[in-house]
PDB file of N, CA and C in Angstrom:
ATOM      1  N   MET A   1      -1.854  21.386  -2.576  1.00  0.00           N
ATOM      2  CA  MET A   1      -2.257  20.462  -1.156  1.00  0.00           C
ATOM      3  C   MET A   1      -1.214  19.096  -1.741  1.00  0.00           C
ATOM      4  N   ALA A   2      -0.301  18.644  -0.443  1.00  0.00           N
ATOM      5  CA  ALA A   2       0.381  17.678  -1.079  1.00  0.00           C
ATOM      6  C   ALA A   2      -0.344  16.204  -0.547  1.00  0.00           C
ATOM      7  N   ARG A   3       0.037  15.064  -0.818  1.00  0.00           N
ATOM      8  CA  ARG A   3      -0.731  13.869  -0.593  1.00  0.00           C
ATOM      9  C   ARG A   3      -0.516  13.118  -1.146  1.00  0.00           C
ATOM     10  N   LEU A   4      -0.620  11.931  -0.380  1.00  0.00           N
ATOM     11  CA  LEU A   4       0.041  10.439  -0.780  1.00  0.00           C
ATOM     12  C   LEU A   4      -1.486   9.231  -0.694  1.00  0.00           C
ATOM     13  N   SER A   5      -1.297   9.048  -1.666  1.00  0.00           N
ATOM     14  CA  SER A   5      -2.268   8.220  -2.151  1.00  0.00           C
ATOM     15  C   SER A   5      -1.634   6.373  -2.665  1.00  0.00           C
ATOM     16  N   SER A   6      -2.630   5.476  -2.575  1.00  0.00           N
ATOM     17  CA  SER A   6      -2.139   4.323  -3.371  1.00  0.00           C
ATOM     18  C   SER A   6      -4.045   3.718  -4.352  1.00  0.00           C
ATOM     19  N   HIS A   7      -3.143   2.382  -4.569  1.00  0.00           N
ATOM     20  CA  HIS A   7      -4.207   1.843  -5.422  1.00  0.00           C
ATOM     21  C   HIS A   7      -3.564   0.151  -5.619  1.00  0.00           C
ATOM     22  N   VAL A   8      -4.467  -0.643  -5.433  1.00  0.00           N
ATOM     23  CA  VAL A   8      -4.025  -1.919  -5.739  1.00  0.00           C
ATOM     24  C   VAL A   8      -4.999  -2.732  -6.960  1.00  0.00           C
ATOM     25  N   LEU A   9      -4.184  -3.670  -7.644  1.00  0.00           N
ATOM     26  CA  LEU A   9      -4.969  -4.340  -8.724  1.00  0.00           C
ATOM     27  C   LEU A   9      -4.600  -5.993  -8.566  1.00  0.00           C
ATOM     28  N   ASP A  10      -5.490  -6.860  -8.307  1.00  0.00           N
ATOM     29  CA  ASP A  10      -5.443  -7.732  -8.208  1.00  0.00           C
ATOM     30  C   ASP A  10      -5.192  -8.558  -9.881  1.00  0.00           C
ATOM     31  N   THR A  11      -3.752  -8.988 -10.397  1.00  0.00           N
ATOM     32  CA  THR A  11      -3.441  -9.734 -11.016  1.00  0.00           C
ATOM     33  C   THR A  11      -3.832 -11.017 -11.825  1.00  0.00           C
ATOM     34  N   VAL A  12      -4.409 -11.893 -10.505  1.00  0.00           N
ATOM     35  CA  VAL A  12      -5.067 -13.028 -10.306  1.00  0.00           C
ATOM     36  C   VAL A  12      -6.069 -13.501 -10.998  1.00  0.00           C
ATOM     37  N   HIS A  13      -6.959 -12.014 -10.244  1.00  0.00           N
ATOM     38  CA  HIS A  13      -8.436 -11.961 -10.593  1.00  0.00           C
ATOM     39  C   HIS A  13      -8.467 -11.349 -11.853  1.00  0.00           C
ATOM     40  N   GLY A  14      -8.021 -10.257 -12.575  1.00  0.00           N
ATOM     41  CA  GLY A  14      -8.094  -9.289 -13.738  1.00  0.00           C
ATOM     42  C   GLY A  14      -8.947  -8.175 -13.076  1.00  0.00           C
ATOM     43  N   CYS A  15      -8.946  -7.406 -11.635  1.00  0.00           N
ATOM     44  CA  CYS A  15      -9.558  -6.648 -11.256  1.00  0.00           C
ATOM     45  C   CYS A  15      -9.177  -6.005 -10.019  1.00  0.00           C
ATOM     46  N   PRO A  16      -9.881  -4.602  -9.825  1.00  0.00           N
ATOM     47  CA  PRO A  16      -9.368  -3.843  -8.834  1.00  0.00           C
ATOM     48  C   PRO A  16      -9.242  -5.081  -7.568  1.00  0.00           C
ATOM     49  N   ALA A  17      -8.389  -4.548  -6.385  1.00  0.00           N
ATOM     50  CA  ALA A  17      -8.573  -5.581  -5.152  1.00  0.00           C
ATOM     51  C   ALA A  17      -8.859  -4.555  -3.986  1.00  0.00           C
ATOM     52  N   ALA A  18     -10.327  -4.831  -3.970  1.00  0.00           N
ATOM     53  CA  ALA A  18     -10.821  -4.066  -2.647  1.00  0.00           C
ATOM     54  C   ALA A  18     -10.697  -5.033  -1.370  1.00  0.00           C
ATOM     55  N   GLY A  19     -10.691  -4.411   0.063  1.00  0.00           N
ATOM     56  CA  GLY A  19     -10.576  -4.771   1.136  1.00  0.00           C
ATOM     57  C   GLY A  19      -8.698  -5.545   1.446  1.00  0.00           C
ATOM     58  N   VAL A  20      -7.821  -4.917   0.565  1.00  0.00           N
ATOM     59  CA  VAL A  20      -7.011  -4.788   0.945  1.00  0.00           C
ATOM     60  C   VAL A  20      -6.649  -3.908   2.560  1.00  0.00           C
ATOM     61  N   ARG A  21      -5.442  -4.484   3.266  1.00  0.00           N
ATOM     62  CA  ARG A  21      -6.080  -3.504   4.662  1.00  0.00           C
ATOM     63  C   ARG A  21      -4.450  -3.079   4.503  1.00  0.00           C
ATOM     64  N   ILE A  22      -3.796  -2.040   4.281  1.00  0.00           N
ATOM     65  CA  ILE A  22      -2.724  -0.925   4.090  1.00  0.00           C
ATOM     66  C   ILE A  22      -2.616  -0.452   5.334  1.00  0.00           C
ATOM     67  N   ASP A  23      -1.377  -0.333   5.996  1.00  0.00           N
ATOM     68  CA  ASP A  23      -0.735   0.420   6.926  1.00  0.00           C
ATOM     69  C   ASP A  23       0.050   1.304   6.557  1.00  0.00           C
ATOM     70  N   LEU A  24       0.100   2.443   7.028  1.00  0.00           N
ATOM     71  CA  LEU A  24       0.639   3.744   6.796  1.00  0.00           C
ATOM     72  C   LEU A  24       2.185   3.566   7.944  1.00  0.00           C
ATOM     73  N   TYR A  25       3.816   3.548   7.420  1.00  0.00           N
ATOM     74  CA  TYR A  25       4.466   3.981   8.455  1.00  0.00           C
ATOM     75  C   TYR A  25       5.814   5.205   7.971  1.00  0.00           C
ATOM     76  N   PHE A  26       6.362   5.815   9.176  1.00  0.00           N
ATOM     77  CA  PHE A  26       7.134   6.846   9.309  1.00  0.00           C
ATOM     78  C   PHE A  26       8.327   6.171   9.365  1.00  0.00           C
ATOM     79  N   VAL A  27       9.588   6.043   8.614  1.00  0.00           N
ATOM     80  CA  VAL A  27      10.880   5.172   9.093  1.00  0.00           C
ATOM     81  C   VAL A  27      11.681   6.227   9.778  1.00  0.00           C
ATOM     82  N   GLU A  28      11.395   6.039  11.027  1.00  0.00           N
ATOM     83  CA  GLU A  28      12.942   7.051  11.850  1.00  0.00           C
ATOM     84  C   GLU A  28      14.423   6.220  11.391  1.00  0.00           C
ATOM     85  N   THR A  29      15.407   6.943  12.506  1.00  0.00           N
ATOM     86  CA  THR A  29      16.572   6.437  12.484  1.00  0.00           C
ATOM     87  C   THR A  29      16.687   4.659  12.688  1.00  0.00           C
ATOM     88  N   LYS A  30      16.042   4.246  13.777  1.00  0.00           N
ATOM     89  CA  LYS A  30      15.802   2.890  14.474  1.00  0.00           C
ATOM     90  C   LYS A  30      14.705   2.309  14.325  1.00  0.00           C
ATOM     91  N   SER A  31      13.785   3.030  14.227  1.00  0.00           N
ATOM     92  CA  SER A  31      12.236   2.117  14.242  1.00  0.00           C
ATOM     93  C   SER A  31      11.398   3.073  13.307  1.00  0.00           C
ATOM     94  N   ARG A  32      10.113   2.631  13.403  1.00  0.00           N
ATOM     95  CA  ARG A  32       8.832   3.019  12.286  1.00  0.00           C
ATOM     96  C   ARG A  32       7.874   3.572  13.401  1.00  0.00           C
ATOM     97  N   ARG A  33       7.387   4.157  12.885  1.00  0.00           N
ATOM     98  CA  ARG A  33       6.336   5.246  13.736  1.00  0.00           C
ATOM     99  C   ARG A  33       4.653   5.111  13.189  1.00  0.00           C
ATOM    100  N   PHE A  34       3.928   4.585  13.590  1.00  0.00           N
ATOM    101  CA  PHE A  34       2.646   3.975  12.770  1.00  0.00           C
ATOM    102  C   PHE A  34       1.666   4.870  12.639  1.00  0.00           C
ATOM    103  N   ILE A  35       1.513   5.559  11.740  1.00  0.00           N
ATOM    104  CA  ILE A  35       0.874   6.408  11.168  1.00  0.00           C
ATOM    105  C   ILE A  35      -0.956   6.231  10.731  1.00  0.00           C
ATOM    106  N   ALA A  36      -1.400   5.402  10.367  1.00  0.00           N
ATOM    107  CA  ALA A  36      -2.555   4.745   9.831  1.00  0.00           C
ATOM    108  C   ALA A  36      -2.941   3.558   9.249  1.00  0.00           C
ATOM    109  N   THR A  37      -4.107   3.359   9.588  1.00  0.00           N
ATOM    110  CA  THR A  37      -4.958   2.182   8.469  1.00  0.00           C
ATOM    111  C   THR A  37      -5.966   2.274   7.446  1.00  0.00           C
ATOM    112  N   VAL A  38      -5.332   1.756   6.412  1.00  0.00           N
ATOM    113  CA  VAL A  38      -6.724   2.095   5.685  1.00  0.00           C
ATOM    114  C   VAL A  38      -7.232   0.321   5.113  1.00  0.00           C
ATOM    115  N   VAL A  39      -8.141   0.855   4.618  1.00  0.00           N
ATOM    116  CA  VAL A  39      -8.803  -0.460   3.414  1.00  0.00           C
ATOM    117  C   VAL A  39      -9.218  -0.289   2.383  1.00  0.00           C
ATOM    118  N   THR A  40      -8.936  -0.693   0.989  1.00  0.00           N
ATOM    119  CA  THR A  40      -9.098  -0.293  -0.041  1.00  0.00           C
ATOM    120  C   THR A  40     -10.801  -0.162  -0.641  1.00  0.00           C
ATOM    121  N   ASN A  41     -11.053   0.324  -1.002  1.00  0.00           N
ATOM    122  CA  ASN A  41     -12.987  -0.009  -1.958  1.00  0.00           C
ATOM    123  C   ASN A  41     -12.966  -0.482  -2.984  1.00  0.00           C
ATOM    124  N   GLN A  42     -14.158  -0.527  -3.362  1.00  0.00           N
ATOM    125  CA  GLN A  42     -14.302  -1.193  -4.814  1.00  0.00           C
ATOM    126  C   GLN A  42     -13.618  -1.043  -5.913  1.00  0.00           C
ATOM    127  N   ASP A  43     -13.029  -0.131  -5.924  1.00  0.00           N
ATOM    128  CA  ASP A  43     -12.040   0.255  -6.859  1.00  0.00           C
ATOM    129  C   ASP A  43     -10.316  -0.064  -6.996  1.00  0.00           C
ATOM    130  N   GLY A  44     -10.662  -0.411  -5.497  1.00  0.00           N
ATOM    131  CA  GLY A  44      -9.514  -0.659  -5.349  1.00  0.00           C
ATOM    132  C   GLY A  44      -8.459   0.176  -4.527  1.00  0.00           C
ATOM    133  N   ARG A  45      -8.909   1.440  -4.200  1.00  0.00           N
ATOM    134  CA  ARG A  45      -8.090   2.279  -3.570  1.00  0.00           C
ATOM    135  C   ARG A  45      -8.625   2.921  -2.977  1.00  0.00           C
ATOM    136  N   THR A  46      -8.127   3.590  -1.887  1.00  0.00           N
ATOM    137  CA  THR A  46      -8.376   3.971  -0.510  1.00  0.00           C
ATOM    138  C   THR A  46      -9.231   5.190  -0.497  1.00  0.00           C
ATOM    139  N   SER A  47     -10.652   5.761  -0.268  1.00  0.00           N
ATOM    140  CA  SER A  47     -11.305   6.468  -0.166  1.00  0.00           C
ATOM    141  C   SER A  47     -10.991   7.901  -0.332  1.00  0.00           C
ATOM    142  N   GLU A  48     -10.008   8.108   0.786  1.00  0.00           N
ATOM    143  CA  GLU A  48      -9.499   9.607   1.435  1.00  0.00           C
ATOM    144  C   GLU A  48      -7.727   9.044   1.523  1.00  0.00           C
ATOM    145  N   PRO A  49      -6.838  10.076   0.712  1.00  0.00           N
ATOM    146  CA  PRO A  49      -5.565   9.917   0.549  1.00  0.00           C
ATOM    147  C   PRO A  49      -5.062   9.768   1.577  1.00  0.00           C
ATOM    148  N   LEU A  50      -3.789   8.531   2.266  1.00  0.00           N
ATOM    149  CA  LEU A  50      -3.536   8.538   3.297  1.00  0.00           C
ATOM    150  C   LEU A  50      -2.970   9.373   3.923  1.00  0.00           C
ATOM    151  N   LEU A  51      -2.367  10.249   3.043  1.00  0.00           N
ATOM    152  CA  LEU A  51      -1.905  11.805   4.027  1.00  0.00           C
ATOM    153  C   LEU A  51      -2.303  12.921   3.298  1.00  0.00           C
ATOM    154  N   GLU A  52      -2.729  13.742   3.400  1.00  0.00           N
ATOM    155  CA  GLU A  52      -3.124  14.799   2.732  1.00  0.00           C
ATOM    156  C   GLU A  52      -3.151  16.219   3.630  1.00  0.00           C
ATOM    157  N   HIS A  53      -2.166  16.937   3.422  1.00  0.00           N
ATOM    158  CA  HIS A  53      -1.386  18.171   4.172  1.00  0.00           C
ATOM    159  C   HIS A  53      -1.217  19.074   3.463  1.00  0.00           C
ATOM    160  N   SER A  54      -1.205  20.686   3.475  1.00  0.00           N
ATOM    161  CA  SER A  54      -0.530  21.312   2.981  1.00  0.00           C
ATOM    162  C   SER A  54       1.441  20.981   2.761  1.00  0.00           C
ATOM    163  N   VAL A  55       1.912  20.318   3.980  1.00  0.00           N
ATOM    164  CA  VAL A  55       3.161  19.895   3.270  1.00  0.00           C
ATOM    165  C   VAL A  55       3.013  18.070   4.225  1.00  0.00           C
ATOM    166  N   ILE A  56       3.621  17.597   3.269  1.00  0.00           N
ATOM    167  CA  ILE A  56       3.939  16.037   4.095  1.00  0.00           C
ATOM    168  C   ILE A  56       5.094  15.899   4.621  1.00  0.00           C
ATOM    169  N   PRO A  57       5.824  15.218   5.633  1.00  0.00           N
ATOM    170  CA  PRO A  57       7.069  15.260   6.150  1.00  0.00           C
ATOM    171  C   PRO A  57       7.819  14.634   5.435  1.00  0.00           C
ATOM    172  N   VAL A  58       8.904  15.612   5.012  1.00  0.00           N
ATOM    173  CA  VAL A  58      10.211  14.677   4.035  1.00  0.00           C
ATOM    174  C   VAL A  58      10.107  13.292   4.597  1.00  0.00           C
ATOM    175  N   GLY A  59      10.783  12.366   4.273  1.00  0.00           N
ATOM    176  CA  GLY A  59      11.580  10.822   5.082  1.00  0.00           C
ATOM    177  C   GLY A  59      11.426   9.787   4.029  1.00  0.00           C
ATOM    178  N   ARG A  60      11.140   9.139   4.979  1.00  0.00           N
ATOM    179  CA  ARG A  60      11.468   7.682   4.491  1.00  0.00           C
ATOM    180  C   ARG A  60       9.674   7.223   5.071  1.00  0.00           C
ATOM    181  N   TYR A  61       9.138   6.100   4.370  1.00  0.00           N
ATOM    182  CA  TYR A  61       8.106   5.785   4.487  1.00  0.00           C
ATOM    183  C   TYR A  61       7.791   3.964   4.153  1.00  0.00           C
ATOM    184  N   GLN A  62       6.893   3.289   4.473  1.00  0.00           N
ATOM    185  CA  GLN A  62       6.628   2.121   4.104  1.00  0.00           C
ATOM    186  C   GLN A  62       4.637   2.141   4.364  1.00  0.00           C
ATOM    187  N   LEU A  63       4.749   1.475   3.142  1.00  0.00           N
ATOM    188  CA  LEU A  63       3.170   0.443   3.048  1.00  0.00           C
ATOM    189  C   LEU A  63       3.111  -0.507   3.054  1.00  0.00           C
ATOM    190  N   VAL A  64       2.529  -1.206   4.162  1.00  0.00           N
ATOM    191  CA  VAL A  64       2.422  -2.435   4.613  1.00  0.00           C
ATOM    192  C   VAL A  64       0.479  -2.805   3.799  1.00  0.00           C
ATOM    193  N   PHE A  65       1.035  -4.006   2.416  1.00  0.00           N
ATOM    194  CA  PHE A  65       0.361  -4.426   1.948  1.00  0.00           C
ATOM    195  C   PHE A  65      -0.449  -5.728   2.320  1.00  0.00           C
ATOM    196  N   HIS A  66      -1.482  -6.161   3.136  1.00  0.00           N
ATOM    197  CA  HIS A  66      -1.594  -7.553   3.846  1.00  0.00           C
ATOM    198  C   HIS A  66      -2.003  -8.389   2.462  1.00  0.00           C
ATOM    199  N   ALA A  67      -1.263  -8.761   1.790  1.00  0.00           N
ATOM    200  CA  ALA A  67      -1.689  -9.794   0.582  1.00  0.00           C
ATOM    201  C   ALA A  67      -2.396 -10.979   1.269  1.00  0.00           C
ATOM    202  N   GLY A  68      -1.609 -12.095   1.702  1.00  0.00           N
ATOM    203  CA  GLY A  68      -2.114 -12.996   2.288  1.00  0.00           C
ATOM    204  C   GLY A  68      -3.852 -13.167   2.711  1.00  0.00           C
ATOM    205  N   GLU A  69      -3.989 -11.852   3.811  1.00  0.00           N
ATOM    206  CA  GLU A  69      -5.234 -12.015   4.145  1.00  0.00           C
ATOM    207  C   GLU A  69      -6.234 -11.632   2.770  1.00  0.00           C
ATOM    208  N   TYR A  70      -5.848 -10.621   2.001  1.00  0.00           N
ATOM    209  CA  TYR A  70      -6.356 -10.304   0.910  1.00  0.00           C
ATOM    210  C   TYR A  70      -7.056 -11.710   0.347  1.00  0.00           C
ATOM    211  N   PHE A  71      -5.854 -12.361  -0.067  1.00  0.00           N
ATOM    212  CA  PHE A  71      -5.847 -13.294  -1.293  1.00  0.00           C
ATOM    213  C   PHE A  71      -6.435 -14.487  -0.416  1.00  0.00           C
ATOM    214  N   ARG A  72      -6.800 -14.619   0.742  1.00  0.00           N
ATOM    215  CA  ARG A  72      -7.403 -16.127   1.590  1.00  0.00           C
ATOM    216  C   ARG A  72      -8.645 -15.605   1.624  1.00  0.00           C
ATOM    217  N   SER A  73      -8.964 -14.147   1.749  1.00  0.00           N
ATOM    218  CA  SER A  73     -10.964 -13.829   1.852  1.00  0.00           C
ATOM    219  C   SER A  73     -11.234 -14.243   0.397  1.00  0.00           C
ATOM    220  N   ARG A  74     -10.500 -14.044  -0.515  1.00  0.00           N
ATOM    221  CA  ARG A  74     -10.908 -14.128  -1.713  1.00  0.00           C
ATOM    222  C   ARG A  74     -11.192 -15.949  -2.121  1.00  0.00           C
ATOM    223  N   GLY A  75     -10.366 -16.959  -1.345  1.00  0.00           N
ATOM    224  CA  GLY A  75     -10.715 -18.107  -1.243  1.00  0.00           C
ATOM    225  C   GLY A  75      -9.577 -18.777  -1.617  1.00  0.00           C
ATOM    226  N   LEU A  76      -9.114 -18.060  -2.189  1.00  0.00           N
ATOM    227  CA  LEU A  76      -7.649 -18.249  -2.895  1.00  0.00           C
ATOM    228  C   LEU A  76      -6.646 -19.378  -1.755  1.00  0.00           C
ATOM    229  N   ARG A  77      -6.135 -20.515  -2.659  1.00  0.00           N
ATOM    230  CA  ARG A  77      -5.566 -21.271  -2.112  1.00  0.00           C
ATOM    231  C   ARG A  77      -4.228 -21.583  -2.404  1.00  0.00           C
ATOM    232  N   PHE A  78      -3.267 -21.271  -1.382  1.00  0.00           N
ATOM    233  CA  PHE A  78      -1.504 -21.277  -1.587  1.00  0.00           C
ATOM    234  C   PHE A  78      -0.825 -21.974  -0.292  1.00  0.00           C
ATOM    235  N   SER A  79       0.158 -22.111  -0.491  1.00  0.00           N
ATOM    236  CA  SER A  79       1.032 -22.942   0.482  1.00  0.00           C
ATOM    237  C   SER A  79       1.086 -21.679   1.929  1.00  0.00           C
ATOM    238  N   GLU A  80       1.436 -22.614   2.596  1.00  0.00           N
ATOM    239  CA  GLU A  80       1.146 -22.028   4.163  1.00  0.00           C
ATOM    240  C   GLU A  80       2.559 -22.488   4.816  1.00  0.00           C
ATOM    241  N   PRO A  81       3.477 -21.018   5.404  1.00  0.00           N
ATOM    242  CA  PRO A  81       3.148 -19.690   5.259  1.00  0.00           C
ATOM    243  C   PRO A  81       3.110 -18.821   3.453  1.00  0.00           C
ATOM    244  N   ALA A  82       2.022 -18.130   3.677  1.00  0.00           N
ATOM    245  CA  ALA A  82       2.121 -17.685   2.146  1.00  0.00           C
ATOM    246  C   ALA A  82       3.433 -17.158   2.016  1.00  0.00           C
ATOM    247  N   PHE A  83       3.710 -16.948   0.506  1.00  0.00           N
ATOM    248  CA  PHE A  83       4.671 -16.967   0.183  1.00  0.00           C
ATOM    249  C   PHE A  83       5.040 -15.069   0.247  1.00  0.00           C
ATOM    250  N   LEU A  84       4.241 -14.507  -0.559  1.00  0.00           N
ATOM    251  CA  LEU A  84       4.147 -12.723   0.592  1.00  0.00           C
ATOM    252  C   LEU A  84       2.847 -12.758   0.937  1.00  0.00           C
ATOM    253  N   ASP A  85       2.922 -13.085   2.354  1.00  0.00           N
ATOM    254  CA  ASP A  85       1.407 -12.962   3.687  1.00  0.00           C
ATOM    255  C   ASP A  85       1.478 -11.009   3.254  1.00  0.00           C
ATOM    256  N   GLU A  86       2.664 -10.533   3.879  1.00  0.00           N
ATOM    257  CA  GLU A  86       2.838  -9.059   3.534  1.00  0.00           C
ATOM    258  C   GLU A  86       3.949  -8.068   2.442  1.00  0.00           C
ATOM    259  N   VAL A  87       3.003  -7.335   2.076  1.00  0.00           N
ATOM    260  CA  VAL A  87       4.304  -7.083   1.307  1.00  0.00           C
ATOM    261  C   VAL A  87       4.673  -5.420   1.743  1.00  0.00           C
ATOM    262  N   THR A  88       5.838  -5.074   1.803  1.00  0.00           N
ATOM    263  CA  THR A  88       6.223  -3.630   2.201  1.00  0.00           C
ATOM    264  C   THR A  88       6.940  -3.419   0.939  1.00  0.00           C
ATOM    265  N   VAL A  89       6.270  -2.137   1.009  1.00  0.00           N
ATOM    266  CA  VAL A  89       6.643  -1.122  -0.368  1.00  0.00           C
ATOM    267  C   VAL A  89       7.427   0.070   0.945  1.00  0.00           C
ATOM    268  N   SER A  90       8.603   0.227   0.768  1.00  0.00           N
ATOM    269  CA  SER A  90       9.636   1.418   1.120  1.00  0.00           C
ATOM    270  C   SER A  90      10.194   2.728   0.582  1.00  0.00           C
ATOM    271  N   PHE A  91       9.481   3.485   0.469  1.00  0.00           N
ATOM    272  CA  PHE A  91       9.885   4.930  -0.270  1.00  0.00           C
ATOM    273  C   PHE A  91      10.221   6.203   0.372  1.00  0.00           C
ATOM    274  N   GLY A  92      10.210   6.660  -0.313  1.00  0.00           N
ATOM    275  CA  GLY A  92      11.088   8.303   0.134  1.00  0.00           C
ATOM    276  C   GLY A  92      10.289   9.519  -0.676  1.00  0.00           C
ATOM    277  N   VAL A  93      10.344  10.354   0.320  1.00  0.00           N
ATOM    278  CA  VAL A  93       8.920  11.454  -0.102  1.00  0.00           C
ATOM    279  C   VAL A  93      10.404  12.736   0.245  1.00  0.00           C
ATOM    280  N   ALA A  94      11.030  13.301  -0.584  1.00  0.00           N
ATOM    281  CA  ALA A  94      11.548  14.219  -1.005  1.00  0.00           C
ATOM    282  C   ALA A  94      11.053  15.780  -1.436  1.00  0.00           C
ATOM    283  N   ASP A  95       9.694  15.940  -1.821  1.00  0.00           N
ATOM    284  CA  ASP A  95       9.041  16.793  -1.905  1.00  0.00           C
ATOM    285  C   ASP A  95       8.032  17.125  -0.993  1.00  0.00           C
ATOM    286  N   GLY A  96       8.333  17.563   0.211  1.00  0.00           N
ATOM    287  CA  GLY A  96       7.272  17.651   1.123  1.00  0.00           C
ATOM    288  C   GLY A  96       5.769  18.480   0.437  1.00  0.00           C
ATOM    289  N   ALA A  97       5.848  19.133  -1.276  1.00  0.00           N
ATOM    290  CA  ALA A  97       4.866  19.380  -1.311  1.00  0.00           C
ATOM    291  C   ALA A  97       3.929  18.807  -2.150  1.00  0.00           C
ATOM    292  N   GLY A  98       4.490  17.785  -2.810  1.00  0.00           N
ATOM    293  CA  GLY A  98       4.293  16.887  -3.974  1.00  0.00           C
ATOM    294  C   GLY A  98       3.349  15.744  -3.758  1.00  0.00           C
ATOM    295  N   HIS A  99       2.831  15.527  -4.608  1.00  0.00           N
ATOM    296  CA  HIS A  99       2.013  14.384  -5.009  1.00  0.00           C
ATOM    297  C   HIS A  99       2.363  12.829  -5.222  1.00  0.00           C
ATOM    298  N   TYR A 100       2.579  11.835  -4.115  1.00  0.00           N
ATOM    299  CA  TYR A 100       2.934  10.528  -3.928  1.00  0.00           C
ATOM    300  C   TYR A 100       1.831   9.565  -4.189  1.00  0.00           C
ATOM    301  N   HIS A 101       1.903   9.098  -5.304  1.00  0.00           N
ATOM    302  CA  HIS A 101       1.101   7.713  -5.597  1.00  0.00           C
ATOM    303  C   HIS A 101       1.628   6.170  -5.872  1.00  0.00           C
ATOM    304  N   VAL A 102       1.437   5.462  -4.889  1.00  0.00           N
ATOM    305  CA  VAL A 102       1.992   4.132  -4.737  1.00  0.00           C
ATOM    306  C   VAL A 102       1.603   3.017  -5.437  1.00  0.00           C
ATOM    307  N   PRO A 103       1.131   2.539  -6.541  1.00  0.00           N
ATOM    308  CA  PRO A 103       0.482   1.519  -7.089  1.00  0.00           C
ATOM    309  C   PRO A 103       0.981   0.333  -6.675  1.00  0.00           C
ATOM    310  N   LEU A 104       0.143  -0.685  -6.392  1.00  0.00           N
ATOM    311  CA  LEU A 104       0.363  -1.720  -6.038  1.00  0.00           C
ATOM    312  C   LEU A 104      -0.239  -3.354  -7.356  1.00  0.00           C
ATOM    313  N   LEU A 105       0.112  -3.668  -7.920  1.00  0.00           N
ATOM    314  CA  LEU A 105      -0.114  -4.631  -8.478  1.00  0.00           C
ATOM    315  C   LEU A 105       0.430  -6.128  -7.786  1.00  0.00           C
ATOM    316  N   LEU A 106      -0.619  -7.021  -7.744  1.00  0.00           N
ATOM    317  CA  LEU A 106      -0.435  -7.948  -6.405  1.00  0.00           C
ATOM    318  C   LEU A 106      -0.522  -9.498  -7.671  1.00  0.00           C
ATOM    319  N   SER A 107       0.160  -9.864  -7.230  1.00  0.00           N
ATOM    320  CA  SER A 107      -0.286 -11.837  -6.843  1.00  0.00           C
ATOM    321  C   SER A 107       0.294 -12.517  -5.717  1.00  0.00           C
ATOM    322  N   PRO A 108      -0.297 -14.106  -5.525  1.00  0.00           N
ATOM    323  CA  PRO A 108       0.193 -14.819  -4.216  1.00  0.00           C
ATOM    324  C   PRO A 108       1.859 -14.424  -4.221  1.00  0.00           C
ATOM    325  N   TYR A 109       2.680 -14.467  -5.462  1.00  0.00           N
ATOM    326  CA  TYR A 109       3.723 -14.761  -5.778  1.00  0.00           C
ATOM    327  C   TYR A 109       4.741 -13.781  -6.355  1.00  0.00           C
ATOM    328  N   GLY A 110       4.218 -12.510  -6.705  1.00  0.00           N
ATOM    329  CA  GLY A 110       5.121 -11.407  -7.171  1.00  0.00           C
ATOM    330  C   GLY A 110       3.981 -10.126  -7.045  1.00  0.00           C
ATOM    331  N   TYR A 111       4.480  -8.827  -7.028  1.00  0.00           N
ATOM    332  CA  TYR A 111       4.246  -7.582  -7.279  1.00  0.00           C
ATOM    333  C   TYR A 111       4.801  -6.875  -7.833  1.00  0.00           C
ATOM    334  N   THR A 112       4.530  -5.586  -8.441  1.00  0.00           N
ATOM    335  CA  THR A 112       4.985  -5.280  -8.746  1.00  0.00           C
ATOM    336  C   THR A 112       4.539  -3.321  -8.359  1.00  0.00           C
ATOM    337  N   THR A 113       5.495  -2.399  -8.227  1.00  0.00           N
ATOM    338  CA  THR A 113       5.128  -0.857  -8.045  1.00  0.00           C
ATOM    339  C   THR A 113       5.784  -0.077  -8.723  1.00  0.00           C
ATOM    340  N   TYR A 114       5.407   1.252  -8.639  1.00  0.00           N
ATOM    341  CA  TYR A 114       5.962   1.885  -9.194  1.00  0.00           C
ATOM    342  C   TYR A 114       5.138   3.926  -9.236  1.00  0.00           C
ATOM    343  N   ARG A 115       6.096   4.896  -9.014  1.00  0.00           N
ATOM    344  CA  ARG A 115       5.532   6.470  -8.430  1.00  0.00           C
ATOM    345  C   ARG A 115       4.412   6.122  -9.772  1.00  0.00           C
ATOM    346  N   GLY A 116       3.336   6.249  -9.114  1.00  0.00           N
ATOM    347  CA  GLY A 116       2.465   6.743 -10.162  1.00  0.00           C
ATOM    348  C   GLY A 116       1.740   8.068 -10.280  1.00  0.00           C
ATOM    349  N   SER A 117       0.867   9.043 -10.637  1.00  0.00           N
ATOM    350  CA  SER A 117       0.831   9.862 -10.526  1.00  0.00           C
ATOM    351  C   SER A 117      -0.687  10.251 -10.085  1.00  0.00           C
TER     352      SER A 117
END
């Protein structure tokens, strides 16, 4: 079963980032098509995969992590507008039968992502 999953770690507080809203898009030639919105659970993960099928469509995707919204909900004060209000991670799916995991390590002023397992 092919799937796409994600999780978010809050590097300011040193814990999983519960309650982060994530939007998933499929990127077409001149636009993007909305697929789903999910919210991370207490472990900073999505309760279900963002996509799970026998085959995931090959192509370009974007995950939009609503970082500013999350940090504001935690009572963190920072400049307005926030330096990283939304973090967009663009990535490609080349193997429609594969498992793609996109973790995000997040702070108000920086982030790191990679292809996880």
